[in-house]
Amino acid sequence: MKIAKDIVLDETDIALLRILQQDGGVSNLELARRVNLSPPATHTRVKRLQQYGYIRQVVALVNRELLGLNLLCFIQVSIQLHQFEYAERFYTIIQQFPEVLECHHITGEYDYLLKIVVRDHRELEKFVIHKLTPIPGVAKLHTSLVFREVKTTTALPLAEAE
């Protein structure tokens, strides 16, 4: 992947990114029609956006509840010692847990914020007791259960090209 610092996005690039954020499976022909370019020119632009890292990957967003993953939670984690080795070990271990959708190193009372998904409260208990608490350095956890997802999006707010 090339570094994106030397590339300038124009209105067409922004339009392509907006469309692809809403429907990553749109055909190149339909994409070209929507941005008023030829299909080969559209394909070239999309490949360039991928090459420069503006498009990291194209994925399917799966309905977790249809798969029985009914419990969405946020878990705040505090570690005992703020040393590099504990942080690196935490990063390595947390990457191995498929329940963890996101992990963020944050400021404030806690050090990490995890977004996890499990089937039910029993799986949550197993995850917390058998996976999170045994991680070396974990000192404190605070779990919040999600009642309802009010807004969920993966689309970034894109400004118009300048």
C-alpha atoms as a PDB file:
ATOM      1  CA  MET A   1       0.000   0.000   0.000  1.00  0.00           C
ATOM      2  CA  LYS A   2       1.267   3.445  -0.896  1.00  0.00           C
ATOM      3  CA  ILE A   3       1.100   6.424   1.423  1.00  0.00           C
ATOM      4  CA  ALA A   4      -1.898   8.653   0.746  1.00  0.00           C
ATOM      5  CA  LYS A   5      -0.249  11.985   1.608  1.00  0.00           C
ATOM      6  CA  ASP A   6       0.493  12.859  -2.026  1.00  0.00           C
ATOM      7  CA  ILE A   7      -2.964  12.095  -3.399  1.00  0.00           C
ATOM      8  CA  VAL A   8      -5.716  14.724  -3.592  1.00  0.00           C
ATOM      9  CA  LEU A   9      -9.290  13.497  -3.563  1.00  0.00           C
ATOM     10  CA  ASP A  10     -11.683  15.220  -5.925  1.00  0.00           C
ATOM     11  CA  GLU A  11     -15.499  15.303  -5.897  1.00  0.00           C
ATOM     12  CA  THR A  12     -15.688  12.058  -7.865  1.00  0.00           C
ATOM     13  CA  ASP A  13     -13.409  10.254  -5.393  1.00  0.00           C
ATOM     14  CA  ILE A  14     -15.551  11.475  -2.495  1.00  0.00           C
ATOM     15  CA  ALA A  15     -18.721  10.390  -4.328  1.00  0.00           C
ATOM     16  CA  LEU A  16     -17.220   6.935  -4.918  1.00  0.00           C
ATOM     17  CA  LEU A  17     -16.324   6.602  -1.232  1.00  0.00           C
ATOM     18  CA  ARG A  18     -19.814   7.707  -0.152  1.00  0.00           C
ATOM     19  CA  ILE A  19     -21.504   5.167  -2.429  1.00  0.00           C
ATOM     20  CA  LEU A  20     -19.157   2.335  -1.475  1.00  0.00           C
ATOM     21  CA  GLN A  21     -19.642   3.029   2.247  1.00  0.00           C
ATOM     22  CA  GLN A  22     -23.374   2.490   1.773  1.00  0.00           C
ATOM     23  CA  ASP A  23     -23.121  -0.474  -0.624  1.00  0.00           C
ATOM     24  CA  GLY A  24     -19.725  -2.124  -0.986  1.00  0.00           C
ATOM     25  CA  GLY A  25     -21.240  -4.738  -3.289  1.00  0.00           C
ATOM     26  CA  VAL A  26     -22.466  -2.292  -5.928  1.00  0.00           C
ATOM     27  CA  SER A  27     -21.374  -3.356  -9.402  1.00  0.00           C
ATOM     28  CA  ASN A  28     -18.721  -1.343 -11.199  1.00  0.00           C
ATOM     29  CA  LEU A  29     -21.248  -0.629 -13.954  1.00  0.00           C
ATOM     30  CA  GLU A  30     -23.773   0.827 -11.488  1.00  0.00           C
ATOM     31  CA  LEU A  31     -21.038   2.725  -9.662  1.00  0.00           C
ATOM     32  CA  ALA A  32     -19.876   4.237 -12.960  1.00  0.00           C
ATOM     33  CA  ARG A  33     -23.429   5.264 -13.798  1.00  0.00           C
ATOM     34  CA  ARG A  34     -23.891   6.984 -10.437  1.00  0.00           C
ATOM     35  CA  VAL A  35     -20.698   9.065 -10.739  1.00  0.00           C
ATOM     36  CA  ASN A  36     -20.962   9.707 -14.504  1.00  0.00           C
ATOM     37  CA  LEU A  37     -17.735   7.967 -15.479  1.00  0.00           C
ATOM     38  CA  SER A  38     -16.966   5.107 -17.810  1.00  0.00           C
ATOM     39  CA  PRO A  39     -16.704   1.690 -16.133  1.00  0.00           C
ATOM     40  CA  PRO A  40     -12.932   1.422 -16.842  1.00  0.00           C
ATOM     41  CA  ALA A  41     -12.290   4.895 -15.382  1.00  0.00           C
ATOM     42  CA  THR A  42     -14.401   4.030 -12.334  1.00  0.00           C
ATOM     43  CA  HIS A  43     -12.551   0.753 -11.835  1.00  0.00           C
ATOM     44  CA  THR A  44      -9.200   2.576 -12.062  1.00  0.00           C
ATOM     45  CA  ARG A  45     -10.280   5.159  -9.478  1.00  0.00           C
ATOM     46  CA  VAL A  46     -11.552   2.525  -7.044  1.00  0.00           C
ATOM     47  CA  LYS A  47      -8.310   0.533  -7.400  1.00  0.00           C
ATOM     48  CA  ARG A  48      -6.320   3.732  -6.757  1.00  0.00           C
ATOM     49  CA  LEU A  49      -8.391   4.437  -3.610  1.00  0.00           C
ATOM     50  CA  GLN A  50      -7.620   0.891  -2.443  1.00  0.00           C
ATOM     51  CA  GLN A  51      -3.945   1.170  -3.355  1.00  0.00           C
ATOM     52  CA  TYR A  52      -3.550   4.366  -1.322  1.00  0.00           C
ATOM     53  CA  GLY A  53      -5.407   2.953   1.670  1.00  0.00           C
ATOM     54  CA  TYR A  54      -8.589   5.032   1.502  1.00  0.00           C
ATOM     55  CA  ILE A  55     -10.503   1.780   1.078  1.00  0.00           C
ATOM     56  CA  ARG A  56      -9.068  -0.712   3.574  1.00  0.00           C
ATOM     57  CA  GLN A  57     -11.329  -3.627   2.711  1.00  0.00           C
ATOM     58  CA  VAL A  58     -14.767  -4.528   1.435  1.00  0.00           C
ATOM     59  CA  VAL A  59     -16.869  -6.679   3.763  1.00  0.00           C
ATOM     60  CA  ALA A  60     -20.404  -7.943   4.306  1.00  0.00           C
ATOM     61  CA  LEU A  61     -22.102  -6.584   7.433  1.00  0.00           C
ATOM     62  CA  VAL A  62     -23.793  -9.619   8.959  1.00  0.00           C
ATOM     63  CA  ASN A  63     -26.909  -9.427  11.157  1.00  0.00           C
ATOM     64  CA  ARG A  64     -25.593 -10.683  14.509  1.00  0.00           C
ATOM     65  CA  GLU A  65     -29.051 -11.279  15.997  1.00  0.00           C
ATOM     66  CA  LEU A  66     -30.052 -13.638  13.162  1.00  0.00           C
ATOM     67  CA  LEU A  67     -26.973 -15.657  14.123  1.00  0.00           C
ATOM     68  CA  GLY A  68     -28.053 -15.792  17.757  1.00  0.00           C
ATOM     69  CA  LEU A  69     -25.503 -13.245  18.996  1.00  0.00           C
ATOM     70  CA  ASN A  70     -28.079 -11.341  21.021  1.00  0.00           C
ATOM     71  CA  LEU A  71     -25.977  -9.656  23.681  1.00  0.00           C
ATOM     72  CA  LEU A  72     -23.918  -6.611  22.688  1.00  0.00           C
ATOM     73  CA  CYS A  73     -21.742  -5.230  25.488  1.00  0.00           C
ATOM     74  CA  PHE A  74     -19.102  -2.642  26.201  1.00  0.00           C
ATOM     75  CA  ILE A  75     -16.449  -3.593  28.704  1.00  0.00           C
ATOM     76  CA  GLN A  76     -14.071  -1.073  30.204  1.00  0.00           C
ATOM     77  CA  VAL A  77     -10.761  -2.574  31.301  1.00  0.00           C
ATOM     78  CA  SER A  78      -8.172  -1.119  33.642  1.00  0.00           C
ATOM     79  CA  ILE A  79      -4.698  -2.597  33.913  1.00  0.00           C
ATOM     80  CA  GLN A  80      -2.576  -2.576  37.086  1.00  0.00           C
ATOM     81  CA  LEU A  81       0.714  -1.395  35.693  1.00  0.00           C
ATOM     82  CA  HIS A  82       1.047   0.945  32.765  1.00  0.00           C
ATOM     83  CA  GLN A  83       4.090  -0.721  31.313  1.00  0.00           C
ATOM     84  CA  PHE A  84       4.804  -1.511  27.702  1.00  0.00           C
ATOM     85  CA  GLU A  85       5.006  -5.279  28.260  1.00  0.00           C
ATOM     86  CA  TYR A  86       1.513  -5.407  29.833  1.00  0.00           C
ATOM     87  CA  ALA A  87       0.025  -3.325  27.039  1.00  0.00           C
ATOM     88  CA  GLU A  88       1.661  -5.447  24.339  1.00  0.00           C
ATOM     89  CA  ARG A  89       0.521  -8.674  25.991  1.00  0.00           C
ATOM     90  CA  PHE A  90      -3.022  -7.300  26.337  1.00  0.00           C
ATOM     91  CA  TYR A  91      -3.051  -6.326  22.617  1.00  0.00           C
ATOM     92  CA  THR A  92      -1.814  -9.762  21.579  1.00  0.00           C
ATOM     93  CA  ILE A  93      -4.270 -11.705  23.733  1.00  0.00           C
ATOM     94  CA  ILE A  94      -7.330  -9.572  22.926  1.00  0.00           C
ATOM     95  CA  GLN A  95      -6.736 -10.100  19.175  1.00  0.00           C
ATOM     96  CA  GLN A  96      -7.396 -13.819  19.701  1.00  0.00           C
ATOM     97  CA  PHE A  97     -10.942 -13.394  21.050  1.00  0.00           C
ATOM     98  CA  PRO A  98     -13.600 -13.569  18.313  1.00  0.00           C
ATOM     99  CA  GLU A  99     -16.140 -12.055  20.740  1.00  0.00           C
ATOM    100  CA  VAL A 100     -14.221  -8.758  20.651  1.00  0.00           C
ATOM    101  CA  LEU A 101     -15.457  -6.640  17.759  1.00  0.00           C
ATOM    102  CA  GLU A 102     -13.442  -3.562  18.732  1.00  0.00           C
ATOM    103  CA  CYS A 103     -10.753  -2.683  21.241  1.00  0.00           C
ATOM    104  CA  HIS A 104      -9.726   0.915  21.907  1.00  0.00           C
ATOM    105  CA  HIS A 105      -6.944   2.256  24.132  1.00  0.00           C
ATOM    106  CA  ILE A 106      -8.647   5.202  25.847  1.00  0.00           C
ATOM    107  CA  THR A 107      -8.065   8.014  28.321  1.00  0.00           C
ATOM    108  CA  GLY A 108      -9.822   8.369  31.651  1.00  0.00           C
ATOM    109  CA  GLU A 109     -10.469   6.021  34.535  1.00  0.00           C
ATOM    110  CA  TYR A 110     -10.143   2.911  32.356  1.00  0.00           C
ATOM    111  CA  ASP A 111      -7.439   2.011  29.874  1.00  0.00           C
ATOM    112  CA  TYR A 112      -9.365   0.045  27.240  1.00  0.00           C
ATOM    113  CA  LEU A 113     -12.871  -0.061  25.855  1.00  0.00           C
ATOM    114  CA  LEU A 114     -14.025  -3.339  24.318  1.00  0.00           C
ATOM    115  CA  LYS A 115     -17.098  -3.847  22.176  1.00  0.00           C
ATOM    116  CA  ILE A 116     -18.066  -7.495  22.386  1.00  0.00           C
ATOM    117  CA  VAL A 117     -20.886  -9.731  21.224  1.00  0.00           C
ATOM    118  CA  VAL A 118     -22.025 -13.020  22.777  1.00  0.00           C
ATOM    119  CA  ARG A 119     -25.128 -15.205  22.655  1.00  0.00           C
ATOM    120  CA  ASP A 120     -26.390 -14.624  26.199  1.00  0.00           C
ATOM    121  CA  HIS A 121     -25.460 -13.764  29.775  1.00  0.00           C
ATOM    122  CA  ARG A 122     -23.856 -17.188  30.343  1.00  0.00           C
ATOM    123  CA  GLU A 123     -21.448 -16.620  27.462  1.00  0.00           C
ATOM    124  CA  LEU A 124     -20.741 -13.148  28.812  1.00  0.00           C
ATOM    125  CA  GLU A 125     -19.919 -14.629  32.201  1.00  0.00           C
ATOM    126  CA  LYS A 126     -17.584 -17.218  30.614  1.00  0.00           C
ATOM    127  CA  PHE A 127     -15.915 -14.534  28.520  1.00  0.00           C
ATOM    128  CA  VAL A 128     -15.293 -12.251  31.499  1.00  0.00           C
ATOM    129  CA  ILE A 129     -14.236 -14.947  33.973  1.00  0.00           C
ATOM    130  CA  HIS A 130     -12.284 -17.298  31.716  1.00  0.00           C
ATOM    131  CA  LYS A 131     -10.850 -14.959  29.100  1.00  0.00           C
ATOM    132  CA  LEU A 132     -10.592 -11.366  30.348  1.00  0.00           C
ATOM    133  CA  THR A 133      -9.758 -11.636  34.035  1.00  0.00           C
ATOM    134  CA  PRO A 134      -6.886 -14.131  33.538  1.00  0.00           C
ATOM    135  CA  ILE A 135      -5.027 -11.664  31.274  1.00  0.00           C
ATOM    136  CA  PRO A 136      -1.900 -10.611  33.188  1.00  0.00           C
ATOM    137  CA  GLY A 137      -2.230  -7.088  34.552  1.00  0.00           C
ATOM    138  CA  VAL A 138      -6.025  -6.779  34.331  1.00  0.00           C
ATOM    139  CA  ALA A 139      -7.094  -4.954  37.496  1.00  0.00           C
ATOM    140  CA  LYS A 140     -10.686  -3.838  37.026  1.00  0.00           C
ATOM    141  CA  LEU A 141     -13.596  -4.387  34.630  1.00  0.00           C
ATOM    142  CA  HIS A 142     -16.847  -2.536  34.119  1.00  0.00           C
ATOM    143  CA  THR A 143     -19.452  -4.121  31.831  1.00  0.00           C
ATOM    144  CA  SER A 144     -22.378  -2.309  30.210  1.00  0.00           C
ATOM    145  CA  LEU A 145     -25.096  -4.206  28.367  1.00  0.00           C
ATOM    146  CA  VAL A 146     -26.690  -2.608  25.312  1.00  0.00           C
ATOM    147  CA  PHE A 147     -30.493  -2.448  25.440  1.00  0.00           C
ATOM    148  CA  ARG A 148     -30.894  -1.049  21.929  1.00  0.00           C
ATOM    149  CA  GLU A 149     -28.577   0.100  19.181  1.00  0.00           C
ATOM    150  CA  VAL A 150     -29.918   3.574  18.447  1.00  0.00           C
ATOM    151  CA  LYS A 151     -27.439   4.302  15.658  1.00  0.00           C
ATOM    152  CA  THR A 152     -24.918   1.971  14.118  1.00  0.00           C
ATOM    153  CA  THR A 153     -22.921   2.844  11.030  1.00  0.00           C
ATOM    154  CA  THR A 154     -19.585   2.147   9.474  1.00  0.00           C
ATOM    155  CA  ALA A 155     -19.861   5.154   7.128  1.00  0.00           C
ATOM    156  CA  LEU A 156     -17.491   8.042   7.844  1.00  0.00           C
ATOM    157  CA  PRO A 157     -18.705  11.629   7.475  1.00  0.00           C
ATOM    158  CA  LEU A 158     -16.959  12.690   4.275  1.00  0.00           C
ATOM    159  CA  ALA A 159     -16.406  16.369   3.544  1.00  0.00           C
ATOM    160  CA  GLU A 160     -16.716  17.701   0.043  1.00  0.00           C
ATOM    161  CA  ALA A 161     -13.458  17.888  -1.911  1.00  0.00           C
ATOM    162  CA  GLU A 162     -11.790  21.277  -1.563  1.00  0.00           C
END
